[in-house]
Amino acid sequence: MGFSAPLMAVRWPGYGGVSTFPRGTRTSTTTKPMLLPCQRPASSMEYPLHTELLASFPYLNLHLHAAGPRKALETEWLGFVGGPDFRLALTEALRLARAHYVTGWVADDRLLGSLRPKDLDWGFTHLHEPLAELGVRRFALLETEETLNRFIINSKYQEAMPGLPFELRFFTNLTEARSWACA
C-alpha cells in the first residue's frame, strides 16, 4: 500500500541538487520536531491520525490529534478535580485549542469522577460558547464511568443539545471518538 501525493521541488541554498517532498510538506532548518501534514493513503480517503501531548496535570492530560488539516483537542481526565483546578484546566484547554485552531473536541470523561453541580454549570457556561467561537464543529464525549455523574452530565447535555453550536456525539470507543472529531 503506497501513498500518493503531488510532489514539489525544493532547491536548498548552497546545494546543487533538488529534493522532492509531498506538496504541502513544511520544511524547517530547526531541530524542533514538527507535526507534518499527513499524506492521503492511495487506497483511502482518510488521513492517518497523529497525536501529541500538549500539557499534563495530575488530574488531566491534554492531547492534540491531527488528521490532515483537521485538528481536535482531547481532555483526558485522570481522576476527580473540582473548583479552581477544574476551571484552570478547562481555561488552559481552551487556550491550547485556540492556539492550534482545532475544529474538534474529545472529552474523555471516563475517569472524571463526581463533578459538583456548581463546576458542571461553570463548564457549560464557559466552555461551549468559546468552542463555537473557535470554530469547533464536532464534540465527541466519552461518558464518565460513575453512574450518578453520567446521569447528571447526560441530563445537562440533553437540556442543552438543541442550542449547542456544534454536533455532539456520545462514544464508548476512544479511537472512534478521535477519528470522528478529526473528520
C-alpha atoms as a PDB file:
ATOM      1  CA  MET A   1       0.000   0.000   0.000  1.00  0.00           C
ATOM      2  CA  GLY A   2       1.655   3.222  -1.118  1.00  0.00           C
ATOM      3  CA  PHE A   3       0.988   6.876  -0.675  1.00  0.00           C
ATOM      4  CA  SER A   4       0.143   9.271  -3.457  1.00  0.00           C
ATOM      5  CA  ALA A   5       0.680  12.972  -3.148  1.00  0.00           C
ATOM      6  CA  PRO A   6       1.769  15.615  -5.654  1.00  0.00           C
ATOM      7  CA  LEU A   7       5.466  16.392  -5.254  1.00  0.00           C
ATOM      8  CA  MET A   8       7.125  19.781  -5.088  1.00  0.00           C
ATOM      9  CA  ALA A   9      10.736  20.551  -5.884  1.00  0.00           C
ATOM     10  CA  VAL A  10      12.827  22.433  -3.344  1.00  0.00           C
ATOM     11  CA  ARG A  11      16.228  23.993  -4.044  1.00  0.00           C
ATOM     12  CA  TRP A  12      18.367  24.197  -0.962  1.00  0.00           C
ATOM     13  CA  PRO A  13      20.769  27.170  -0.792  1.00  0.00           C
ATOM     14  CA  GLY A  14      24.385  26.045  -1.232  1.00  0.00           C
ATOM     15  CA  TYR A  15      23.281  22.646  -2.563  1.00  0.00           C
ATOM     16  CA  GLY A  16      23.251  21.932  -6.270  1.00  0.00           C
ATOM     17  CA  GLY A  17      20.571  19.244  -6.171  1.00  0.00           C
ATOM     18  CA  VAL A  18      16.830  19.345  -5.976  1.00  0.00           C
ATOM     19  CA  SER A  19      14.880  17.486  -3.295  1.00  0.00           C
ATOM     20  CA  THR A  20      11.279  16.434  -3.702  1.00  0.00           C
ATOM     21  CA  PHE A  21       8.723  16.398  -0.919  1.00  0.00           C
ATOM     22  CA  PRO A  22       4.988  15.762  -0.928  1.00  0.00           C
ATOM     23  CA  ARG A  23       3.236  19.017  -1.850  1.00  0.00           C
ATOM     24  CA  GLY A  24       2.142  20.835   1.285  1.00  0.00           C
ATOM     25  CA  THR A  25       5.016  19.459   3.397  1.00  0.00           C
ATOM     26  CA  ARG A  26       6.628  22.128   5.514  1.00  0.00           C
ATOM     27  CA  THR A  27      10.389  22.057   5.820  1.00  0.00           C
ATOM     28  CA  SER A  28      12.338  23.538   8.662  1.00  0.00           C
ATOM     29  CA  THR A  29      16.000  24.168   9.409  1.00  0.00           C
ATOM     30  CA  THR A  30      15.406  23.877  13.149  1.00  0.00           C
ATOM     31  CA  THR A  31      15.845  20.657  15.098  1.00  0.00           C
ATOM     32  CA  LYS A  32      12.486  21.119  16.813  1.00  0.00           C
ATOM     33  CA  PRO A  33      10.178  18.219  15.866  1.00  0.00           C
ATOM     34  CA  MET A  34       7.272  19.215  13.635  1.00  0.00           C
ATOM     35  CA  LEU A  35       3.849  17.693  13.157  1.00  0.00           C
ATOM     36  CA  LEU A  36       3.825  17.475   9.355  1.00  0.00           C
ATOM     37  CA  PRO A  37       0.677  17.455   7.263  1.00  0.00           C
ATOM     38  CA  CYS A  38      -0.454  13.919   6.552  1.00  0.00           C
ATOM     39  CA  GLN A  39      -0.391  12.234   3.168  1.00  0.00           C
ATOM     40  CA  ARG A  40      -3.513  10.545   1.884  1.00  0.00           C
ATOM     41  CA  PRO A  41      -3.173   6.792   1.537  1.00  0.00           C
ATOM     42  CA  ALA A  42      -3.804   5.882  -2.115  1.00  0.00           C
ATOM     43  CA  SER A  43      -6.481   3.319  -1.221  1.00  0.00           C
ATOM     44  CA  SER A  44      -8.399   5.515   1.221  1.00  0.00           C
ATOM     45  CA  MET A  45      -9.820   8.988   1.526  1.00  0.00           C
ATOM     46  CA  GLU A  46      -8.906   9.215   5.230  1.00  0.00           C
ATOM     47  CA  TYR A  47      -5.809  10.712   6.814  1.00  0.00           C
ATOM     48  CA  PRO A  48      -3.807   8.829   9.451  1.00  0.00           C
ATOM     49  CA  LEU A  49      -4.204  10.281  12.945  1.00  0.00           C
ATOM     50  CA  HIS A  50      -1.202  11.914  14.650  1.00  0.00           C
ATOM     51  CA  THR A  51      -1.261  12.581  18.408  1.00  0.00           C
ATOM     52  CA  GLU A  52       0.802  14.922  20.563  1.00  0.00           C
ATOM     53  CA  LEU A  53       0.640  15.504  24.333  1.00  0.00           C
ATOM     54  CA  LEU A  54       0.348  19.279  24.829  1.00  0.00           C
ATOM     55  CA  ALA A  55       0.033  19.534  28.621  1.00  0.00           C
ATOM     56  CA  SER A  56      -0.240  17.316  31.652  1.00  0.00           C
ATOM     57  CA  PHE A  57      -1.653  17.909  35.106  1.00  0.00           C
ATOM     58  CA  PRO A  58      -2.048  15.368  37.935  1.00  0.00           C
ATOM     59  CA  TYR A  59      -5.757  15.113  37.006  1.00  0.00           C
ATOM     60  CA  LEU A  60      -5.737  15.826  33.233  1.00  0.00           C
ATOM     61  CA  ASN A  61      -3.795  15.227  30.014  1.00  0.00           C
ATOM     62  CA  LEU A  62      -4.405  17.490  27.033  1.00  0.00           C
ATOM     63  CA  HIS A  63      -3.751  15.873  23.650  1.00  0.00           C
ATOM     64  CA  LEU A  64      -3.751  17.331  20.151  1.00  0.00           C
ATOM     65  CA  HIS A  65      -4.938  14.995  17.390  1.00  0.00           C
ATOM     66  CA  ALA A  66      -4.374  15.894  13.762  1.00  0.00           C
ATOM     67  CA  ALA A  67      -5.687  14.147  10.681  1.00  0.00           C
ATOM     68  CA  GLY A  68      -4.558  16.180   7.723  1.00  0.00           C
ATOM     69  CA  PRO A  69      -5.898  19.713   8.038  1.00  0.00           C
ATOM     70  CA  ARG A  70      -8.370  18.831  10.816  1.00  0.00           C
ATOM     71  CA  LYS A  71      -7.344  19.017  14.461  1.00  0.00           C
ATOM     72  CA  ALA A  72      -9.055  18.054  17.712  1.00  0.00           C
ATOM     73  CA  LEU A  73      -8.139  18.692  21.322  1.00  0.00           C
ATOM     74  CA  GLU A  74      -8.730  15.879  23.803  1.00  0.00           C
ATOM     75  CA  THR A  75      -9.289  16.331  27.517  1.00  0.00           C
ATOM     76  CA  GLU A  76      -8.299  13.030  29.131  1.00  0.00           C
ATOM     77  CA  TRP A  77      -9.459  13.308  32.737  1.00  0.00           C
ATOM     78  CA  LEU A  78      -7.361  11.117  35.070  1.00  0.00           C
ATOM     79  CA  GLY A  79      -9.486  11.464  38.196  1.00  0.00           C
ATOM     80  CA  PHE A  80     -11.586  13.800  40.276  1.00  0.00           C
ATOM     81  CA  VAL A  81     -10.895  17.513  40.147  1.00  0.00           C
ATOM     82  CA  GLY A  82     -13.102  20.347  41.258  1.00  0.00           C
ATOM     83  CA  GLY A  83     -13.304  24.031  41.930  1.00  0.00           C
ATOM     84  CA  PRO A  84     -10.404  26.265  40.861  1.00  0.00           C
ATOM     85  CA  ASP A  85      -8.344  23.374  39.431  1.00  0.00           C
ATOM     86  CA  PHE A  86     -11.228  22.272  37.190  1.00  0.00           C
ATOM     87  CA  ARG A  87     -11.694  25.823  35.931  1.00  0.00           C
ATOM     88  CA  LEU A  88      -7.967  26.347  35.402  1.00  0.00           C
ATOM     89  CA  ALA A  89      -7.741  23.086  33.432  1.00  0.00           C
ATOM     90  CA  LEU A  90     -10.628  23.983  31.108  1.00  0.00           C
ATOM     91  CA  THR A  91      -9.274  27.507  30.640  1.00  0.00           C
ATOM     92  CA  GLU A  92      -5.886  26.062  29.623  1.00  0.00           C
ATOM     93  CA  ALA A  93      -7.600  23.573  27.289  1.00  0.00           C
ATOM     94  CA  LEU A  94      -9.431  26.456  25.587  1.00  0.00           C
ATOM     95  CA  ARG A  95      -6.190  28.422  25.271  1.00  0.00           C
ATOM     96  CA  LEU A  96      -4.480  25.457  23.589  1.00  0.00           C
ATOM     97  CA  ALA A  97      -7.488  24.826  21.348  1.00  0.00           C
ATOM     98  CA  ARG A  98      -7.316  28.445  20.208  1.00  0.00           C
ATOM     99  CA  ALA A  99      -3.540  28.257  19.632  1.00  0.00           C
ATOM    100  CA  HIS A 100      -3.852  25.103  17.491  1.00  0.00           C
ATOM    101  CA  TYR A 101      -7.002  26.082  15.542  1.00  0.00           C
ATOM    102  CA  VAL A 102      -8.932  22.945  16.462  1.00  0.00           C
ATOM    103  CA  THR A 103     -12.231  22.063  14.810  1.00  0.00           C
ATOM    104  CA  GLY A 104     -12.987  19.083  17.053  1.00  0.00           C
ATOM    105  CA  TRP A 105     -13.066  18.336  20.776  1.00  0.00           C
ATOM    106  CA  VAL A 106     -12.825  14.955  22.512  1.00  0.00           C
ATOM    107  CA  ALA A 107     -13.996  14.916  26.137  1.00  0.00           C
ATOM    108  CA  ASP A 108     -12.693  11.685  27.679  1.00  0.00           C
ATOM    109  CA  ASP A 109     -14.671  11.878  30.938  1.00  0.00           C
ATOM    110  CA  ARG A 110     -14.435   8.163  31.776  1.00  0.00           C
ATOM    111  CA  LEU A 111     -12.259   8.702  34.886  1.00  0.00           C
ATOM    112  CA  LEU A 112     -13.518  12.183  35.770  1.00  0.00           C
ATOM    113  CA  GLY A 113     -15.385  11.157  38.901  1.00  0.00           C
ATOM    114  CA  SER A 114     -18.134  13.212  40.537  1.00  0.00           C
ATOM    115  CA  LEU A 115     -18.470  16.799  39.468  1.00  0.00           C
ATOM    116  CA  ARG A 116     -20.163  19.257  41.738  1.00  0.00           C
ATOM    117  CA  PRO A 117     -23.202  20.876  40.089  1.00  0.00           C
ATOM    118  CA  LYS A 118     -21.510  24.270  40.501  1.00  0.00           C
ATOM    119  CA  ASP A 119     -18.477  23.077  38.469  1.00  0.00           C
ATOM    120  CA  LEU A 120     -20.676  21.444  35.845  1.00  0.00           C
ATOM    121  CA  ASP A 121     -22.680  24.648  35.405  1.00  0.00           C
ATOM    122  CA  TRP A 122     -19.446  26.651  35.122  1.00  0.00           C
ATOM    123  CA  GLY A 123     -18.148  24.234  32.482  1.00  0.00           C
ATOM    124  CA  PHE A 124     -21.296  24.531  30.374  1.00  0.00           C
ATOM    125  CA  THR A 125     -21.338  28.313  30.681  1.00  0.00           C
ATOM    126  CA  HIS A 126     -17.638  28.904  29.977  1.00  0.00           C
ATOM    127  CA  LEU A 127     -16.828  26.102  27.531  1.00  0.00           C
ATOM    128  CA  HIS A 128     -19.477  25.727  24.832  1.00  0.00           C
ATOM    129  CA  GLU A 129     -19.755  29.296  23.602  1.00  0.00           C
ATOM    130  CA  PRO A 130     -15.948  29.776  23.326  1.00  0.00           C
ATOM    131  CA  LEU A 131     -15.716  26.445  21.470  1.00  0.00           C
ATOM    132  CA  ALA A 132     -18.250  27.698  18.940  1.00  0.00           C
ATOM    133  CA  GLU A 133     -16.317  30.961  18.554  1.00  0.00           C
ATOM    134  CA  LEU A 134     -13.171  28.910  17.849  1.00  0.00           C
ATOM    135  CA  GLY A 135     -14.931  27.098  15.025  1.00  0.00           C
ATOM    136  CA  VAL A 136     -15.333  23.726  16.736  1.00  0.00           C
ATOM    137  CA  ARG A 137     -17.765  21.667  14.654  1.00  0.00           C
ATOM    138  CA  ARG A 138     -17.663  18.285  16.435  1.00  0.00           C
ATOM    139  CA  PHE A 139     -17.715  17.429  20.135  1.00  0.00           C
ATOM    140  CA  ALA A 140     -17.107  13.752  20.998  1.00  0.00           C
ATOM    141  CA  LEU A 141     -17.992  12.685  24.539  1.00  0.00           C
ATOM    142  CA  LEU A 142     -16.835   9.522  26.295  1.00  0.00           C
ATOM    143  CA  GLU A 143     -19.045   9.292  29.333  1.00  0.00           C
ATOM    144  CA  THR A 144     -17.842   9.027  32.904  1.00  0.00           C
ATOM    145  CA  GLU A 145     -17.844   5.573  34.474  1.00  0.00           C
ATOM    146  CA  GLU A 146     -19.554   6.887  37.613  1.00  0.00           C
ATOM    147  CA  THR A 147     -23.289   6.283  37.298  1.00  0.00           C
ATOM    148  CA  LEU A 148     -24.617   9.361  39.110  1.00  0.00           C
ATOM    149  CA  ASN A 149     -22.205  11.713  37.364  1.00  0.00           C
ATOM    150  CA  ARG A 150     -23.065  10.160  33.969  1.00  0.00           C
ATOM    151  CA  PHE A 151     -26.779  10.701  34.664  1.00  0.00           C
ATOM    152  CA  ILE A 152     -26.241  14.340  35.694  1.00  0.00           C
ATOM    153  CA  ILE A 153     -23.988  15.172  32.732  1.00  0.00           C
ATOM    154  CA  ASN A 154     -26.277  13.412  30.232  1.00  0.00           C
ATOM    155  CA  SER A 155     -29.277  15.303  31.607  1.00  0.00           C
ATOM    156  CA  LYS A 156     -27.397  18.575  31.224  1.00  0.00           C
ATOM    157  CA  TYR A 157     -26.448  17.784  27.613  1.00  0.00           C
ATOM    158  CA  GLN A 158     -29.990  16.681  26.753  1.00  0.00           C
ATOM    159  CA  GLU A 159     -31.202  20.076  28.001  1.00  0.00           C
ATOM    160  CA  ALA A 160     -28.548  21.963  26.078  1.00  0.00           C
ATOM    161  CA  MET A 161     -28.467  19.854  22.893  1.00  0.00           C
ATOM    162  CA  PRO A 162     -30.963  21.865  20.801  1.00  0.00           C
ATOM    163  CA  GLY A 163     -28.944  25.043  21.361  1.00  0.00           C
ATOM    164  CA  LEU A 164     -25.428  23.597  21.043  1.00  0.00           C
ATOM    165  CA  PRO A 165     -23.462  25.335  18.282  1.00  0.00           C
ATOM    166  CA  PHE A 166     -21.699  22.103  17.226  1.00  0.00           C
ATOM    167  CA  GLU A 167     -22.504  18.449  16.615  1.00  0.00           C
ATOM    168  CA  LEU A 168     -22.382  16.286  19.767  1.00  0.00           C
ATOM    169  CA  ARG A 169     -21.957  12.506  19.765  1.00  0.00           C
ATOM    170  CA  PHE A 170     -21.528  10.021  22.608  1.00  0.00           C
ATOM    171  CA  PHE A 171     -18.884   7.301  22.252  1.00  0.00           C
ATOM    172  CA  THR A 172     -17.669   4.253  24.152  1.00  0.00           C
ATOM    173  CA  ASN A 173     -14.589   3.743  21.939  1.00  0.00           C
ATOM    174  CA  LEU A 174     -11.796   6.337  22.217  1.00  0.00           C
ATOM    175  CA  THR A 175     -10.306   5.620  18.786  1.00  0.00           C
ATOM    176  CA  GLU A 176     -13.677   6.114  17.101  1.00  0.00           C
ATOM    177  CA  ALA A 177     -14.244   9.350  19.045  1.00  0.00           C
ATOM    178  CA  ARG A 178     -10.861  10.733  17.979  1.00  0.00           C
ATOM    179  CA  SER A 179     -11.385   9.800  14.318  1.00  0.00           C
ATOM    180  CA  TRP A 180     -14.857  11.317  14.227  1.00  0.00           C
ATOM    181  CA  ALA A 181     -13.725  14.563  15.907  1.00  0.00           C
ATOM    182  CA  CYS A 182     -10.954  14.980  13.304  1.00  0.00           C
ATOM    183  CA  ALA A 183     -13.140  14.129  10.289  1.00  0.00           C
END
